[in-house]
Structures are given as structure tokens and as C-alpha cells.
Amino acid sequence: GERQMYTIFSIFASLAYLVPIIIVVTWMIITLTFHRKQIEQNNRIIELLENSNEKKVFDKSNR
């Protein structure tokens, strides 16, 4: 009984040691992929804004 409890505890201890590493790794992957998507979206938004601004300037110059 005691030995079984000890093995279960040791397994949990080893898992507990791995948990923070897993959390950090997954968080890094999520943030990296999210940032990459955000940067792409931001670039698209910037392009759209620049295009709309150019059109506005062009329209004003035409008038």
C-alpha cells in the first residue's frame, strides 16, 4: 500500500516538475503564432489605411 502511494507521489512530483515547462512552451507557441497573425493583420490594416489616405489625397487634388 505504502509503496504504491510512493510511486504515485513520485509520478505526480515528476509531472509537477514538467508542468511549468509545458505551460511556458505552449504559451510561447501560442503567443508567437498569435503575434504573427496580428502582425499580418496589422500590415493589411496599414496597407488599407495608406490606400484610403492616398485615394482621399488624390480626390482632393482632383477637385
PDB file of N, CA and C in Angstrom:
ATOM      1  N   GLY A   1       0.827  -1.219   0.000  1.00  0.00           N
ATOM      2  CA  GLY A   1       0.000   0.000   0.000  1.00  0.00           C
ATOM      3  C   GLY A   1       0.855   1.261   0.000  1.00  0.00           C
ATOM      4  N   GLU A   2       1.846   1.287   0.948  1.00  0.00           N
ATOM      5  CA  GLU A   2       2.708   2.469   1.069  1.00  0.00           C
ATOM      6  C   GLU A   2       3.566   2.659  -0.178  1.00  0.00           C
ATOM      7  N   ARG A   3       4.079   1.550  -0.715  1.00  0.00           N
ATOM      8  CA  ARG A   3       4.949   1.619  -1.892  1.00  0.00           C
ATOM      9  C   ARG A   3       4.162   2.170  -3.086  1.00  0.00           C
ATOM     10  N   GLN A   4       2.909   1.716  -3.228  1.00  0.00           N
ATOM     11  CA  GLN A   4       2.050   2.183  -4.328  1.00  0.00           C
ATOM     12  C   GLN A   4       1.832   3.697  -4.205  1.00  0.00           C
ATOM     13  N   MET A   5       1.546   4.143  -2.982  1.00  0.00           N
ATOM     14  CA  MET A   5       1.360   5.572  -2.728  1.00  0.00           C
ATOM     15  C   MET A   5       2.628   6.348  -3.092  1.00  0.00           C
ATOM     16  N   TYR A   6       3.777   5.794  -2.733  1.00  0.00           N
ATOM     17  CA  TYR A   6       5.063   6.451  -3.012  1.00  0.00           C
ATOM     18  C   TYR A   6       5.296   6.575  -4.518  1.00  0.00           C
ATOM     19  N   THR A   7       5.007   5.507  -5.273  1.00  0.00           N
ATOM     20  CA  THR A   7       5.203   5.551  -6.731  1.00  0.00           C
ATOM     21  C   THR A   7       4.266   6.578  -7.354  1.00  0.00           C
ATOM     22  N   ILE A   8       3.000   6.599  -6.896  1.00  0.00           N
ATOM     23  CA  ILE A   8       2.022   7.584  -7.397  1.00  0.00           C
ATOM     24  C   ILE A   8       2.530   8.992  -7.096  1.00  0.00           C
ATOM     25  N   PHE A   9       3.012   9.198  -5.875  1.00  0.00           N
ATOM     26  CA  PHE A   9       3.533  10.506  -5.464  1.00  0.00           C
ATOM     27  C   PHE A   9       4.731  10.916  -6.318  1.00  0.00           C
ATOM     28  N   SER A  10       5.635   9.964  -6.574  1.00  0.00           N
ATOM     29  CA  SER A  10       6.836  10.264  -7.383  1.00  0.00           C
ATOM     30  C   SER A  10       6.434  10.630  -8.809  1.00  0.00           C
ATOM     31  N   ILE A  11       5.417   9.935  -9.349  1.00  0.00           N
ATOM     32  CA  ILE A  11       4.915  10.244 -10.699  1.00  0.00           C
ATOM     33  C   ILE A  11       4.355  11.666 -10.707  1.00  0.00           C
ATOM     34  N   PHE A  12       3.550  11.985  -9.702  1.00  0.00           N
ATOM     35  CA  PHE A  12       2.966  13.320  -9.605  1.00  0.00           C
ATOM     36  C   PHE A  12       4.056  14.393  -9.450  1.00  0.00           C
ATOM     37  N   ALA A  13       5.085  14.066  -8.657  1.00  0.00           N
ATOM     38  CA  ALA A  13       6.196  15.001  -8.443  1.00  0.00           C
ATOM     39  C   ALA A  13       6.916  15.283  -9.769  1.00  0.00           C
ATOM     40  N   SER A  14       7.164  14.231 -10.543  1.00  0.00           N
ATOM     41  CA  SER A  14       7.849  14.398 -11.833  1.00  0.00           C
ATOM     42  C   SER A  14       6.973  15.186 -12.798  1.00  0.00           C
ATOM     43  N   LEU A  15       5.660  14.925 -12.765  1.00  0.00           N
ATOM     44  CA  LEU A  15       4.725  15.662 -13.628  1.00  0.00           C
ATOM     45  C   LEU A  15       4.678  17.130 -13.215  1.00  0.00           C
ATOM     46  N   ALA A  16       4.626  17.362 -11.908  1.00  0.00           N
ATOM     47  CA  ALA A  16       4.602  18.733 -11.369  1.00  0.00           C
ATOM     48  C   ALA A  16       5.843  19.498 -11.822  1.00  0.00           C
ATOM     49  N   TYR A  17       6.973  18.787 -11.910  1.00  0.00           N
ATOM     50  CA  TYR A  17       8.222  19.402 -12.378  1.00  0.00           C
ATOM     51  C   TYR A  17       8.117  19.767 -13.861  1.00  0.00           C
ATOM     52  N   LEU A  18       7.391  18.951 -14.628  1.00  0.00           N
ATOM     53  CA  LEU A  18       7.257  19.192 -16.069  1.00  0.00           C
ATOM     54  C   LEU A  18       6.189  20.236 -16.398  1.00  0.00           C
ATOM     55  N   VAL A  19       5.183  20.357 -15.538  1.00  0.00           N
ATOM     56  CA  VAL A  19       4.045  21.253 -15.811  1.00  0.00           C
ATOM     57  C   VAL A  19       4.480  22.680 -16.180  1.00  0.00           C
ATOM     58  N   PRO A  20       5.293  23.360 -15.352  1.00  0.00           N
ATOM     59  CA  PRO A  20       5.685  24.738 -15.709  1.00  0.00           C
ATOM     60  C   PRO A  20       6.390  24.831 -17.057  1.00  0.00           C
ATOM     61  N   ILE A  21       7.227  23.829 -17.361  1.00  0.00           N
ATOM     62  CA  ILE A  21       7.945  23.824 -18.648  1.00  0.00           C
ATOM     63  C   ILE A  21       6.938  23.734 -19.794  1.00  0.00           C
ATOM     64  N   ILE A  22       5.972  22.807 -19.649  1.00  0.00           N
ATOM     65  CA  ILE A  22       4.936  22.614 -20.679  1.00  0.00           C
ATOM     66  C   ILE A  22       4.137  23.909 -20.853  1.00  0.00           C
ATOM     67  N   ILE A  23       3.764  24.522 -19.726  1.00  0.00           N
ATOM     68  CA  ILE A  23       2.977  25.770 -19.770  1.00  0.00           C
ATOM     69  C   ILE A  23       3.760  26.857 -20.513  1.00  0.00           C
ATOM     70  N   VAL A  24       5.032  27.019 -20.166  1.00  0.00           N
ATOM     71  CA  VAL A  24       5.876  28.045 -20.793  1.00  0.00           C
ATOM     72  C   VAL A  24       5.994  27.800 -22.296  1.00  0.00           C
ATOM     73  N   VAL A  25       6.247  26.535 -22.665  1.00  0.00           N
ATOM     74  CA  VAL A  25       6.420  26.185 -24.082  1.00  0.00           C
ATOM     75  C   VAL A  25       5.139  26.455 -24.859  1.00  0.00           C
ATOM     76  N   THR A  26       4.007  25.984 -24.337  1.00  0.00           N
ATOM     77  CA  THR A  26       2.724  26.188 -25.017  1.00  0.00           C
ATOM     78  C   THR A  26       2.409  27.684 -25.115  1.00  0.00           C
ATOM     79  N   TRP A  27       2.657  28.436 -24.026  1.00  0.00           N
ATOM     80  CA  TRP A  27       2.408  29.889 -24.012  1.00  0.00           C
ATOM     81  C   TRP A  27       3.249  30.587 -25.075  1.00  0.00           C
ATOM     82  N   MET A  28       4.522  30.170 -25.179  1.00  0.00           N
ATOM     83  CA  MET A  28       5.411  30.764 -26.183  1.00  0.00           C
ATOM     84  C   MET A  28       4.902  30.488 -27.589  1.00  0.00           C
ATOM     85  N   ILE A  29       4.498  29.243 -27.845  1.00  0.00           N
ATOM     86  CA  ILE A  29       3.990  28.855 -29.173  1.00  0.00           C
ATOM     87  C   ILE A  29       2.735  29.663 -29.500  1.00  0.00           C
ATOM     88  N   ILE A  30       1.817  29.740 -28.532  1.00  0.00           N
ATOM     89  CA  ILE A  30       0.551  30.468 -28.737  1.00  0.00           C
ATOM     90  C   ILE A  30       0.837  31.942 -29.025  1.00  0.00           C
ATOM     91  N   THR A  31       1.687  32.562 -28.195  1.00  0.00           N
ATOM     92  CA  THR A  31       1.987  33.992 -28.371  1.00  0.00           C
ATOM     93  C   THR A  31       2.682  34.252 -29.698  1.00  0.00           C
ATOM     94  N   LEU A  32       3.617  33.368 -30.066  1.00  0.00           N
ATOM     95  CA  LEU A  32       4.345  33.540 -31.332  1.00  0.00           C
ATOM     96  C   LEU A  32       3.395  33.466 -32.515  1.00  0.00           C
ATOM     97  N   THR A  33       2.531  32.444 -32.532  1.00  0.00           N
ATOM     98  CA  THR A  33       1.591  32.286 -33.643  1.00  0.00           C
ATOM     99  C   THR A  33       0.592  33.443 -33.648  1.00  0.00           C
ATOM    100  N   PHE A  34       0.115  33.838 -32.460  1.00  0.00           N
ATOM    101  CA  PHE A  34      -0.845  34.938 -32.349  1.00  0.00           C
ATOM    102  C   PHE A  34      -0.215  36.241 -32.834  1.00  0.00           C
ATOM    103  N   HIS A  35       1.016  36.506 -32.403  1.00  0.00           N
ATOM    104  CA  HIS A  35       1.716  37.730 -32.807  1.00  0.00           C
ATOM    105  C   HIS A  35       1.927  37.753 -34.313  1.00  0.00           C
ATOM    106  N   ARG A  36       2.268  36.596 -34.883  1.00  0.00           N
ATOM    107  CA  ARG A  36       2.488  36.511 -36.331  1.00  0.00           C
ATOM    108  C   ARG A  36       1.201  36.868 -37.071  1.00  0.00           C
ATOM    109  N   LYS A  37       0.073  36.328 -36.596  1.00  0.00           N
ATOM    110  CA  LYS A  37      -1.230  36.622 -37.209  1.00  0.00           C
ATOM    111  C   LYS A  37      -1.569  38.105 -37.030  1.00  0.00           C
ATOM    112  N   GLN A  38      -1.323  38.626 -35.813  1.00  0.00           N
ATOM    113  CA  GLN A  38      -1.605  40.038 -35.527  1.00  0.00           C
ATOM    114  C   GLN A  38      -0.780  40.947 -36.427  1.00  0.00           C
ATOM    115  N   ILE A  39       0.496  40.632 -36.592  1.00  0.00           N
ATOM    116  CA  ILE A  39       1.391  41.441 -37.432  1.00  0.00           C
ATOM    117  C   ILE A  39       0.877  41.443 -38.867  1.00  0.00           C
ATOM    118  N   GLU A  40       0.469  40.259 -39.355  1.00  0.00           N
ATOM    119  CA  GLU A  40      -0.076  40.161 -40.719  1.00  0.00           C
ATOM    120  C   GLU A  40      -1.327  41.024 -40.846  1.00  0.00           C
ATOM    121  N   GLN A  41      -2.223  40.926 -39.864  1.00  0.00           N
ATOM    122  CA  GLN A  41      -3.465  41.710 -39.873  1.00  0.00           C
ATOM    123  C   GLN A  41      -3.148  43.207 -39.819  1.00  0.00           C
ATOM    124  N   ASN A  42      -2.217  43.585 -38.930  1.00  0.00           N
ATOM    125  CA  ASN A  42      -1.823  44.988 -38.793  1.00  0.00           C
ATOM    126  C   ASN A  42      -1.261  45.522 -40.102  1.00  0.00           C
ATOM    127  N   ASN A  43      -0.424  44.721 -40.761  1.00  0.00           N
ATOM    128  CA  ASN A  43       0.154  45.128 -42.043  1.00  0.00           C
ATOM    129  C   ASN A  43      -0.946  45.353 -43.071  1.00  0.00           C
ATOM    130  N   ARG A  44      -1.941  44.465 -43.095  1.00  0.00           N
ATOM    131  CA  ARG A  44      -3.074  44.606 -44.019  1.00  0.00           C
ATOM    132  C   ARG A  44      -3.856  45.880 -43.720  1.00  0.00           C
ATOM    133  N   ILE A  45      -4.097  46.120 -42.417  1.00  0.00           N
ATOM    134  CA  ILE A  45      -4.838  47.320 -41.995  1.00  0.00           C
ATOM    135  C   ILE A  45      -4.066  48.568 -42.408  1.00  0.00           C
ATOM    136  N   ILE A  46      -2.747  48.566 -42.167  1.00  0.00           N
ATOM    137  CA  ILE A  46      -1.896  49.705 -42.533  1.00  0.00           C
ATOM    138  C   ILE A  46      -1.967  49.942 -44.040  1.00  0.00           C
ATOM    139  N   GLU A  47      -1.883  48.847 -44.812  1.00  0.00           N
ATOM    140  CA  GLU A  47      -1.969  48.953 -46.273  1.00  0.00           C
ATOM    141  C   GLU A  47      -3.302  49.571 -46.685  1.00  0.00           C
ATOM    142  N   LEU A  48      -4.391  49.093 -46.067  1.00  0.00           N
ATOM    143  CA  LEU A  48      -5.729  49.615 -46.382  1.00  0.00           C
ATOM    144  C   LEU A  48      -5.820  51.099 -46.039  1.00  0.00           C
ATOM    145  N   LEU A  49      -5.307  51.461 -44.855  1.00  0.00           N
ATOM    146  CA  LEU A  49      -5.330  52.859 -44.430  1.00  0.00           C
ATOM    147  C   LEU A  49      -4.520  53.730 -45.391  1.00  0.00           C
ATOM    148  N   GLU A  50      -3.341  53.259 -45.761  1.00  0.00           N
ATOM    149  CA  GLU A  50      -2.485  54.009 -46.688  1.00  0.00           C
ATOM    150  C   GLU A  50      -3.193  54.181 -48.033  1.00  0.00           C
ATOM    151  N   ASN A  51      -3.808  53.115 -48.511  1.00  0.00           N
ATOM    152  CA  ASN A  51      -4.522  53.172 -49.783  1.00  0.00           C
ATOM    153  C   ASN A  51      -5.677  54.163 -49.723  1.00  0.00           C
ATOM    154  N   SER A  52      -6.458  54.123 -48.617  1.00  0.00           N
ATOM    155  CA  SER A  52      -7.592  55.030 -48.472  1.00  0.00           C
ATOM    156  C   SER A  52      -7.113  56.479 -48.351  1.00  0.00           C
ATOM    157  N   ASN A  53      -6.018  56.702 -47.636  1.00  0.00           N
ATOM    158  CA  ASN A  53      -5.450  58.046 -47.494  1.00  0.00           C
ATOM    159  C   ASN A  53      -4.975  58.575 -48.849  1.00  0.00           C
ATOM    160  N   GLU A  54      -4.323  57.716 -49.622  1.00  0.00           N
ATOM    161  CA  GLU A  54      -3.861  58.105 -50.954  1.00  0.00           C
ATOM    162  C   GLU A  54      -5.043  58.496 -51.832  1.00  0.00           C
ATOM    163  N   LYS A  55      -6.110  57.716 -51.752  1.00  0.00           N
ATOM    164  CA  LYS A  55      -7.316  57.995 -52.540  1.00  0.00           C
ATOM    165  C   LYS A  55      -7.921  59.334 -52.131  1.00  0.00           C
ATOM    166  N   LYS A  56      -7.978  59.602 -50.816  1.00  0.00           N
ATOM    167  CA  LYS A  56      -8.522  60.863 -50.307  1.00  0.00           C
ATOM    168  C   LYS A  56      -7.700  62.041 -50.835  1.00  0.00           C
ATOM    169  N   VAL A  57      -6.389  61.899 -50.735  1.00  0.00           N
ATOM    170  CA  VAL A  57      -5.477  62.954 -51.217  1.00  0.00           C
ATOM    171  C   VAL A  57      -5.675  63.144 -52.713  1.00  0.00           C
ATOM    172  N   PHE A  58      -5.778  62.049 -53.431  1.00  0.00           N
ATOM    173  CA  PHE A  58      -5.960  62.078 -54.893  1.00  0.00           C
ATOM    174  C   PHE A  58      -7.273  62.773 -55.250  1.00  0.00           C
ATOM    175  N   ASP A  59      -8.343  62.434 -54.499  1.00  0.00           N
ATOM    176  CA  ASP A  59      -9.654  63.056 -54.739  1.00  0.00           C
ATOM    177  C   ASP A  59      -9.577  64.561 -54.484  1.00  0.00           C
ATOM    178  N   LYS A  60      -8.928  64.964 -53.419  1.00  0.00           N
ATOM    179  CA  LYS A  60      -8.809  66.384 -53.069  1.00  0.00           C
ATOM    180  C   LYS A  60      -8.024  67.131 -54.163  1.00  0.00           C
ATOM    181  N   SER A  61      -6.963  66.508 -54.637  1.00  0.00           N
ATOM    182  CA  SER A  61      -6.132  67.159 -55.651  1.00  0.00           C
ATOM    183  C   SER A  61      -6.906  67.291 -56.975  1.00  0.00           C
ATOM    184  N   ASN A  62      -7.788  66.339 -57.234  1.00  0.00           N
ATOM    185  CA  ASN A  62      -8.602  66.392 -58.455  1.00  0.00           C
ATOM    186  C   ASN A  62      -9.601  67.544 -58.406  1.00  0.00           C
ATOM    187  N   ARG A  63     -10.156  67.777 -57.218  1.00  0.00           N
ATOM    188  CA  ARG A  63     -11.101  68.888 -57.045  1.00  0.00           C
ATOM    189  C   ARG A  63     -10.330  70.180 -56.940  1.00  0.00           C
TER     190      ARG A  63
END
